Amino acid sequence: MTSNILDALKDALINMDAAKVIDLVNKALTLKLDPIEIIGVLRSGMDEVGRRFESGEYFISELVMSGEIMKRALEILKPHLKSEGRGKGKIVLGTIIGDLHDIGKEIIKTLLISSGFEVYDLGVDVPPEKFVEAAKETGAKIIGISALLSTSIVNTAKVVEKLREEGLRDKVKVIVGGAAARQWMIEKYGLDAAINDAIKGLEIIRRWAEEG
């Protein structure tokens, strides 16, 4: 039954059935399913929406609508996430320039805050220099870049370049997350991590914070 609910939840998000998504999220919580697992299923649904958008099957209206539904689901899930207190570290977060979709950012932001991180959210369509400026101003040792579209992810390399120019590359870790993230991008763009799974991304960031 659990797998049926989660499969139906993913399909409902892909098909932009807001009422069904909200109903299934509430049912999943009633069944005591892990909110993190529910978020993972929703993220998988958003990844599929992103793929359909890039292939031309979906348009910007579907992308926006599914994102709004996802945000409503996250608001329901937030109170059920266990808080681990504060003081885990600071992280600068934003969606890279050329990408206007913020749902991936909102997912990892929710997970980071519940894990005790202080998150500086720069919003969407953020130019590379803004990430670096924010890291300097806040003292954050980690920059998290969200990218749903493969066309925008090339701009992440410019964040790394800016860090080098400022003499900060060895002091600040850079992780890229989202449907467009691939492992080969680490070497090509000079990143520290590239992951298309928010839960695994959180694990990487936690490890970096522990290592100092």
C-alpha atoms as a PDB file:
ATOM      1  CA  MET A   1       0.000   0.000   0.000  1.00  0.00           C
ATOM      2  CA  THR A   2       2.878   2.332   0.848  1.00  0.00           C
ATOM      3  CA  SER A   3       4.466   1.955  -2.582  1.00  0.00           C
ATOM      4  CA  ASN A   4       1.070   2.430  -4.244  1.00  0.00           C
ATOM      5  CA  ILE A   5       0.562   5.759  -2.463  1.00  0.00           C
ATOM      6  CA  LEU A   6       4.046   6.998  -3.330  1.00  0.00           C
ATOM      7  CA  ASP A   7       3.744   5.935  -6.973  1.00  0.00           C
ATOM      8  CA  ALA A   8       0.353   7.639  -7.185  1.00  0.00           C
ATOM      9  CA  LEU A   9       1.818  10.758  -5.561  1.00  0.00           C
ATOM     10  CA  LYS A  10       4.577  10.991  -8.151  1.00  0.00           C
ATOM     11  CA  ASP A  11       2.098  10.508 -11.001  1.00  0.00           C
ATOM     12  CA  ALA A  12      -0.272  13.121  -9.555  1.00  0.00           C
ATOM     13  CA  LEU A  13       2.506  15.707  -9.470  1.00  0.00           C
ATOM     14  CA  ILE A  14       3.619  14.894 -13.013  1.00  0.00           C
ATOM     15  CA  ASN A  15       0.000  15.282 -14.143  1.00  0.00           C
ATOM     16  CA  MET A  16      -0.382  18.492 -12.113  1.00  0.00           C
ATOM     17  CA  ASP A  17      -3.345  17.206 -10.090  1.00  0.00           C
ATOM     18  CA  ALA A  18      -3.021  19.537  -7.101  1.00  0.00           C
ATOM     19  CA  ALA A  19      -5.938  18.156  -5.089  1.00  0.00           C
ATOM     20  CA  LYS A  20      -4.680  14.597  -5.454  1.00  0.00           C
ATOM     21  CA  VAL A  21      -1.116  15.550  -4.499  1.00  0.00           C
ATOM     22  CA  ILE A  22      -2.274  17.249  -1.301  1.00  0.00           C
ATOM     23  CA  ASP A  23      -4.601  14.352  -0.453  1.00  0.00           C
ATOM     24  CA  LEU A  24      -1.870  11.754  -0.963  1.00  0.00           C
ATOM     25  CA  VAL A  25       0.703  13.736   1.038  1.00  0.00           C
ATOM     26  CA  ASN A  26      -1.722  13.854   3.958  1.00  0.00           C
ATOM     27  CA  LYS A  27      -2.486  10.140   3.598  1.00  0.00           C
ATOM     28  CA  ALA A  28       1.224   9.320   3.550  1.00  0.00           C
ATOM     29  CA  LEU A  29       1.730  11.305   6.767  1.00  0.00           C
ATOM     30  CA  THR A  30      -1.248   9.554   8.374  1.00  0.00           C
ATOM     31  CA  LEU A  31       0.456   6.252   7.562  1.00  0.00           C
ATOM     32  CA  LYS A  32       3.581   7.574   9.354  1.00  0.00           C
ATOM     33  CA  LEU A  33       5.733   7.550   6.241  1.00  0.00           C
ATOM     34  CA  ASP A  34       9.035   9.396   6.563  1.00  0.00           C
ATOM     35  CA  PRO A  35       8.610  13.007   5.352  1.00  0.00           C
ATOM     36  CA  ILE A  36      12.087  12.793   3.804  1.00  0.00           C
ATOM     37  CA  GLU A  37      10.964   9.810   1.734  1.00  0.00           C
ATOM     38  CA  ILE A  38       7.849  11.702   0.628  1.00  0.00           C
ATOM     39  CA  ILE A  39      10.002  14.668  -0.418  1.00  0.00           C
ATOM     40  CA  GLY A  40      12.232  12.300  -2.378  1.00  0.00           C
ATOM     41  CA  VAL A  41       9.241  10.989  -4.328  1.00  0.00           C
ATOM     42  CA  LEU A  42       8.038  14.516  -5.071  1.00  0.00           C
ATOM     43  CA  ARG A  43      11.533  15.488  -6.223  1.00  0.00           C
ATOM     44  CA  SER A  44      11.528  12.515  -8.580  1.00  0.00           C
ATOM     45  CA  GLY A  45       8.229  13.732 -10.000  1.00  0.00           C
ATOM     46  CA  MET A  46       9.657  17.212 -10.535  1.00  0.00           C
ATOM     47  CA  ASP A  47      12.668  15.710 -12.312  1.00  0.00           C
ATOM     48  CA  GLU A  48      10.291  14.045 -14.764  1.00  0.00           C
ATOM     49  CA  VAL A  49       8.448  17.340 -15.289  1.00  0.00           C
ATOM     50  CA  GLY A  50      11.822  18.957 -16.041  1.00  0.00           C
ATOM     51  CA  ARG A  51      12.666  16.248 -18.569  1.00  0.00           C
ATOM     52  CA  ARG A  52       9.318  16.704 -20.300  1.00  0.00           C
ATOM     53  CA  PHE A  53       9.873  20.453 -20.432  1.00  0.00           C
ATOM     54  CA  GLU A  54      13.296  20.070 -22.035  1.00  0.00           C
ATOM     55  CA  SER A  55      11.923  17.591 -24.593  1.00  0.00           C
ATOM     56  CA  GLY A  56       9.147  20.008 -25.558  1.00  0.00           C
ATOM     57  CA  GLU A  57       6.331  17.829 -24.212  1.00  0.00           C
ATOM     58  CA  TYR A  58       5.622  20.322 -21.416  1.00  0.00           C
ATOM     59  CA  PHE A  59       5.725  24.107 -21.597  1.00  0.00           C
ATOM     60  CA  ILE A  60       6.652  26.812 -19.088  1.00  0.00           C
ATOM     61  CA  SER A  61       3.084  26.890 -17.740  1.00  0.00           C
ATOM     62  CA  GLU A  62       3.298  23.199 -16.749  1.00  0.00           C
ATOM     63  CA  LEU A  63       6.705  23.784 -15.199  1.00  0.00           C
ATOM     64  CA  VAL A  64       5.401  26.655 -13.088  1.00  0.00           C
ATOM     65  CA  MET A  65       2.180  24.879 -12.118  1.00  0.00           C
ATOM     66  CA  SER A  66       3.949  21.720 -10.960  1.00  0.00           C
ATOM     67  CA  GLY A  67       6.386  23.849  -8.972  1.00  0.00           C
ATOM     68  CA  GLU A  68       3.548  25.628  -7.181  1.00  0.00           C
ATOM     69  CA  ILE A  69       1.919  22.301  -6.321  1.00  0.00           C
ATOM     70  CA  MET A  70       5.249  21.053  -4.994  1.00  0.00           C
ATOM     71  CA  LYS A  71       5.590  24.123  -2.774  1.00  0.00           C
ATOM     72  CA  ARG A  72       2.140  23.509  -1.296  1.00  0.00           C
ATOM     73  CA  ALA A  73       3.141  19.932  -0.528  1.00  0.00           C
ATOM     74  CA  LEU A  74       6.376  21.109   1.117  1.00  0.00           C
ATOM     75  CA  GLU A  75       4.443  23.475   3.387  1.00  0.00           C
ATOM     76  CA  ILE A  76       2.428  20.502   4.641  1.00  0.00           C
ATOM     77  CA  LEU A  77       5.567  18.431   5.184  1.00  0.00           C
ATOM     78  CA  LYS A  78       7.737  21.066   6.889  1.00  0.00           C
ATOM     79  CA  PRO A  79       6.168  20.770  10.385  1.00  0.00           C
ATOM     80  CA  HIS A  80       6.767  17.012  10.290  1.00  0.00           C
ATOM     81  CA  LEU A  81      10.504  17.259   9.654  1.00  0.00           C
ATOM     82  CA  LYS A  82      12.634  16.671  12.723  1.00  0.00           C
ATOM     83  CA  SER A  83      14.701  19.698  13.645  1.00  0.00           C
ATOM     84  CA  GLU A  84      18.299  19.036  14.667  1.00  0.00           C
ATOM     85  CA  GLY A  85      18.851  22.470  16.179  1.00  0.00           C
ATOM     86  CA  ARG A  86      21.174  25.139  14.849  1.00  0.00           C
ATOM     87  CA  GLY A  87      24.880  25.667  14.431  1.00  0.00           C
ATOM     88  CA  LYS A  88      25.710  23.162  11.688  1.00  0.00           C
ATOM     89  CA  GLY A  89      27.181  25.850   9.458  1.00  0.00           C
ATOM     90  CA  LYS A  90      26.333  28.451   6.833  1.00  0.00           C
ATOM     91  CA  ILE A  91      25.477  27.828   3.214  1.00  0.00           C
ATOM     92  CA  VAL A  92      24.745  30.175   0.322  1.00  0.00           C
ATOM     93  CA  LEU A  93      21.972  28.825  -1.889  1.00  0.00           C
ATOM     94  CA  GLY A  94      20.520  29.950  -5.198  1.00  0.00           C
ATOM     95  CA  THR A  95      19.309  28.948  -8.650  1.00  0.00           C
ATOM     96  CA  ILE A  96      21.903  29.778 -11.289  1.00  0.00           C
ATOM     97  CA  ILE A  97      21.336  32.469 -13.924  1.00  0.00           C
ATOM     98  CA  GLY A  98      19.351  31.180 -16.885  1.00  0.00           C
ATOM     99  CA  ASP A  99      17.144  29.006 -14.661  1.00  0.00           C
ATOM    100  CA  LEU A 100      13.998  30.517 -13.165  1.00  0.00           C
ATOM    101  CA  HIS A 101      12.647  27.432 -11.421  1.00  0.00           C
ATOM    102  CA  ASP A 102      13.186  27.357  -7.668  1.00  0.00           C
ATOM    103  CA  ILE A 103      11.542  24.133  -6.520  1.00  0.00           C
ATOM    104  CA  GLY A 104      14.792  22.157  -6.279  1.00  0.00           C
ATOM    105  CA  LYS A 105      16.249  24.979  -4.227  1.00  0.00           C
ATOM    106  CA  GLU A 106      13.216  24.987  -1.952  1.00  0.00           C
ATOM    107  CA  ILE A 107      13.528  21.239  -1.353  1.00  0.00           C
ATOM    108  CA  ILE A 108      17.177  21.339  -0.294  1.00  0.00           C
ATOM    109  CA  LYS A 109      16.598  24.551   1.660  1.00  0.00           C
ATOM    110  CA  THR A 110      13.871  22.845   3.687  1.00  0.00           C
ATOM    111  CA  LEU A 111      16.148  19.879   4.394  1.00  0.00           C
ATOM    112  CA  LEU A 112      19.123  22.081   5.304  1.00  0.00           C
ATOM    113  CA  ILE A 113      17.175  24.257   7.738  1.00  0.00           C
ATOM    114  CA  SER A 114      15.677  21.208   9.443  1.00  0.00           C
ATOM    115  CA  SER A 115      19.230  19.843   9.732  1.00  0.00           C
ATOM    116  CA  GLY A 116      20.454  22.946  11.555  1.00  0.00           C
ATOM    117  CA  PHE A 117      22.113  24.919   8.761  1.00  0.00           C
ATOM    118  CA  GLU A 118      21.900  28.679   8.370  1.00  0.00           C
ATOM    119  CA  VAL A 119      20.783  29.201   4.772  1.00  0.00           C
ATOM    120  CA  TYR A 120      21.290  32.403   2.784  1.00  0.00           C
ATOM    121  CA  ASP A 121      18.812  32.139  -0.090  1.00  0.00           C
ATOM    122  CA  LEU A 122      19.708  34.305  -3.098  1.00  0.00           C
ATOM    123  CA  GLY A 123      16.602  33.350  -5.084  1.00  0.00           C
ATOM    124  CA  VAL A 124      16.525  32.454  -8.783  1.00  0.00           C
ATOM    125  CA  ASP A 125      18.389  33.557 -11.922  1.00  0.00           C
ATOM    126  CA  VAL A 126      21.434  34.389  -9.781  1.00  0.00           C
ATOM    127  CA  PRO A 127      24.624  35.550 -11.582  1.00  0.00           C
ATOM    128  CA  PRO A 128      27.901  33.829 -10.589  1.00  0.00           C
ATOM    129  CA  GLU A 129      29.398  36.859  -8.844  1.00  0.00           C
ATOM    130  CA  LYS A 130      26.422  37.085  -6.465  1.00  0.00           C
ATOM    131  CA  PHE A 131      27.170  33.626  -5.073  1.00  0.00           C
ATOM    132  CA  VAL A 132      30.760  34.622  -4.377  1.00  0.00           C
ATOM    133  CA  GLU A 133      29.823  37.996  -2.889  1.00  0.00           C
ATOM    134  CA  ALA A 134      27.348  36.307  -0.544  1.00  0.00           C
ATOM    135  CA  ALA A 135      29.932  33.743   0.564  1.00  0.00           C
ATOM    136  CA  LYS A 136      32.388  36.548   1.371  1.00  0.00           C
ATOM    137  CA  GLU A 137      29.786  38.605   3.246  1.00  0.00           C
ATOM    138  CA  THR A 138      28.377  35.732   5.304  1.00  0.00           C
ATOM    139  CA  GLY A 139      31.509  33.663   5.812  1.00  0.00           C
ATOM    140  CA  ALA A 140      29.752  30.620   4.358  1.00  0.00           C
ATOM    141  CA  LYS A 141      32.082  27.750   3.450  1.00  0.00           C
ATOM    142  CA  ILE A 142      29.605  26.075   1.107  1.00  0.00           C
ATOM    143  CA  ILE A 143      27.816  27.324  -2.012  1.00  0.00           C
ATOM    144  CA  GLY A 144      24.831  25.313  -3.207  1.00  0.00           C
ATOM    145  CA  ILE A 145      23.697  25.906  -6.782  1.00  0.00           C
ATOM    146  CA  SER A 146      20.363  24.622  -8.068  1.00  0.00           C
ATOM    147  CA  ALA A 147      19.893  23.910 -11.783  1.00  0.00           C
ATOM    148  CA  LEU A 148      16.899  22.176 -13.314  1.00  0.00           C
ATOM    149  CA  LEU A 149      17.802  22.838 -16.946  1.00  0.00           C
ATOM    150  CA  SER A 150      20.901  21.534 -18.734  1.00  0.00           C
ATOM    151  CA  THR A 151      21.119  24.795 -20.677  1.00  0.00           C
ATOM    152  CA  SER A 152      21.815  26.785 -17.515  1.00  0.00           C
ATOM    153  CA  ILE A 153      24.190  24.464 -15.679  1.00  0.00           C
ATOM    154  CA  VAL A 154      27.232  25.566 -17.725  1.00  0.00           C
ATOM    155  CA  ASN A 155      27.066  28.829 -15.783  1.00  0.00           C
ATOM    156  CA  THR A 156      28.102  27.000 -12.612  1.00  0.00           C
ATOM    157  CA  ALA A 157      31.682  26.927 -13.916  1.00  0.00           C
ATOM    158  CA  LYS A 158      31.712  30.716 -13.692  1.00  0.00           C
ATOM    159  CA  VAL A 159      31.043  30.527  -9.949  1.00  0.00           C
ATOM    160  CA  VAL A 160      34.180  28.421  -9.555  1.00  0.00           C
ATOM    161  CA  GLU A 161      36.138  30.881 -11.720  1.00  0.00           C
ATOM    162  CA  LYS A 162      34.991  33.815  -9.566  1.00  0.00           C
ATOM    163  CA  LEU A 163      36.046  31.986  -6.409  1.00  0.00           C
ATOM    164  CA  ARG A 164      39.517  31.451  -7.899  1.00  0.00           C
ATOM    165  CA  GLU A 165      39.765  35.117  -8.857  1.00  0.00           C
ATOM    166  CA  GLU A 166      38.931  36.088  -5.261  1.00  0.00           C
ATOM    167  CA  GLY A 167      41.413  33.587  -3.813  1.00  0.00           C
ATOM    168  CA  LEU A 168      38.613  31.635  -2.143  1.00  0.00           C
ATOM    169  CA  ARG A 169      38.514  28.408  -4.132  1.00  0.00           C
ATOM    170  CA  ASP A 170      40.303  26.352  -1.482  1.00  0.00           C
ATOM    171  CA  LYS A 171      38.097  27.791   1.273  1.00  0.00           C
ATOM    172  CA  VAL A 172      34.624  27.311  -0.241  1.00  0.00           C
ATOM    173  CA  LYS A 173      33.015  24.068  -1.436  1.00  0.00           C
ATOM    174  CA  VAL A 174      30.664  24.185  -4.435  1.00  0.00           C
ATOM    175  CA  ILE A 175      27.857  21.677  -4.919  1.00  0.00           C
ATOM    176  CA  VAL A 176      25.437  21.691  -7.834  1.00  0.00           C
ATOM    177  CA  GLY A 177      22.097  19.953  -7.471  1.00  0.00           C
ATOM    178  CA  GLY A 178      19.065  19.391  -9.645  1.00  0.00           C
ATOM    179  CA  ALA A 179      17.773  17.345 -12.534  1.00  0.00           C
ATOM    180  CA  ALA A 180      20.572  18.609 -14.795  1.00  0.00           C
ATOM    181  CA  ALA A 181      23.437  17.665 -12.439  1.00  0.00           C
ATOM    182  CA  ARG A 182      25.759  14.855 -13.565  1.00  0.00           C
ATOM    183  CA  GLN A 183      28.955  13.390 -12.103  1.00  0.00           C
ATOM    184  CA  TRP A 184      31.086  14.265 -15.137  1.00  0.00           C
ATOM    185  CA  MET A 185      30.436  17.937 -14.446  1.00  0.00           C
ATOM    186  CA  ILE A 186      32.615  17.791 -11.328  1.00  0.00           C
ATOM    187  CA  GLU A 187      35.819  17.569 -13.353  1.00  0.00           C
ATOM    188  CA  LYS A 188      34.623  19.588 -16.347  1.00  0.00           C
ATOM    189  CA  TYR A 189      33.390  22.576 -14.326  1.00  0.00           C
ATOM    190  CA  GLY A 190      35.727  22.298 -11.325  1.00  0.00           C
ATOM    191  CA  LEU A 191      32.952  21.507  -8.833  1.00  0.00           C
ATOM    192  CA  ASP A 192      33.255  19.671  -5.533  1.00  0.00           C
ATOM    193  CA  ALA A 193      30.023  17.732  -6.025  1.00  0.00           C
ATOM    194  CA  ALA A 194      27.170  17.363  -8.517  1.00  0.00           C
ATOM    195  CA  ILE A 195      24.105  15.412  -7.478  1.00  0.00           C
ATOM    196  CA  ASN A 196      20.519  15.042  -8.699  1.00  0.00           C
ATOM    197  CA  ASP A 197      19.220  13.666  -5.407  1.00  0.00           C
ATOM    198  CA  ALA A 198      18.456  16.167  -2.630  1.00  0.00           C
ATOM    199  CA  ILE A 199      18.804  13.568   0.134  1.00  0.00           C
ATOM    200  CA  LYS A 200      22.275  12.544  -1.029  1.00  0.00           C
ATOM    201  CA  GLY A 201      23.149  16.202  -1.492  1.00  0.00           C
ATOM    202  CA  LEU A 202      22.245  16.837   2.133  1.00  0.00           C
ATOM    203  CA  GLU A 203      24.500  13.958   3.210  1.00  0.00           C
ATOM    204  CA  ILE A 204      27.439  15.466   1.299  1.00  0.00           C
ATOM    205  CA  ILE A 205      26.879  18.912   2.811  1.00  0.00           C
ATOM    206  CA  ARG A 206      26.605  17.429   6.311  1.00  0.00           C
ATOM    207  CA  ARG A 207      29.905  15.612   5.812  1.00  0.00           C
ATOM    208  CA  TRP A 208      31.641  18.785   4.654  1.00  0.00           C
ATOM    209  CA  ALA A 209      30.313  20.662   7.672  1.00  0.00           C
ATOM    210  CA  GLU A 210      31.608  17.963  10.022  1.00  0.00           C
ATOM    211  CA  GLU A 211      35.018  18.021   8.340  1.00  0.00           C
ATOM    212  CA  GLY A 212      35.130  21.793   8.845  1.00  0.00           C
END
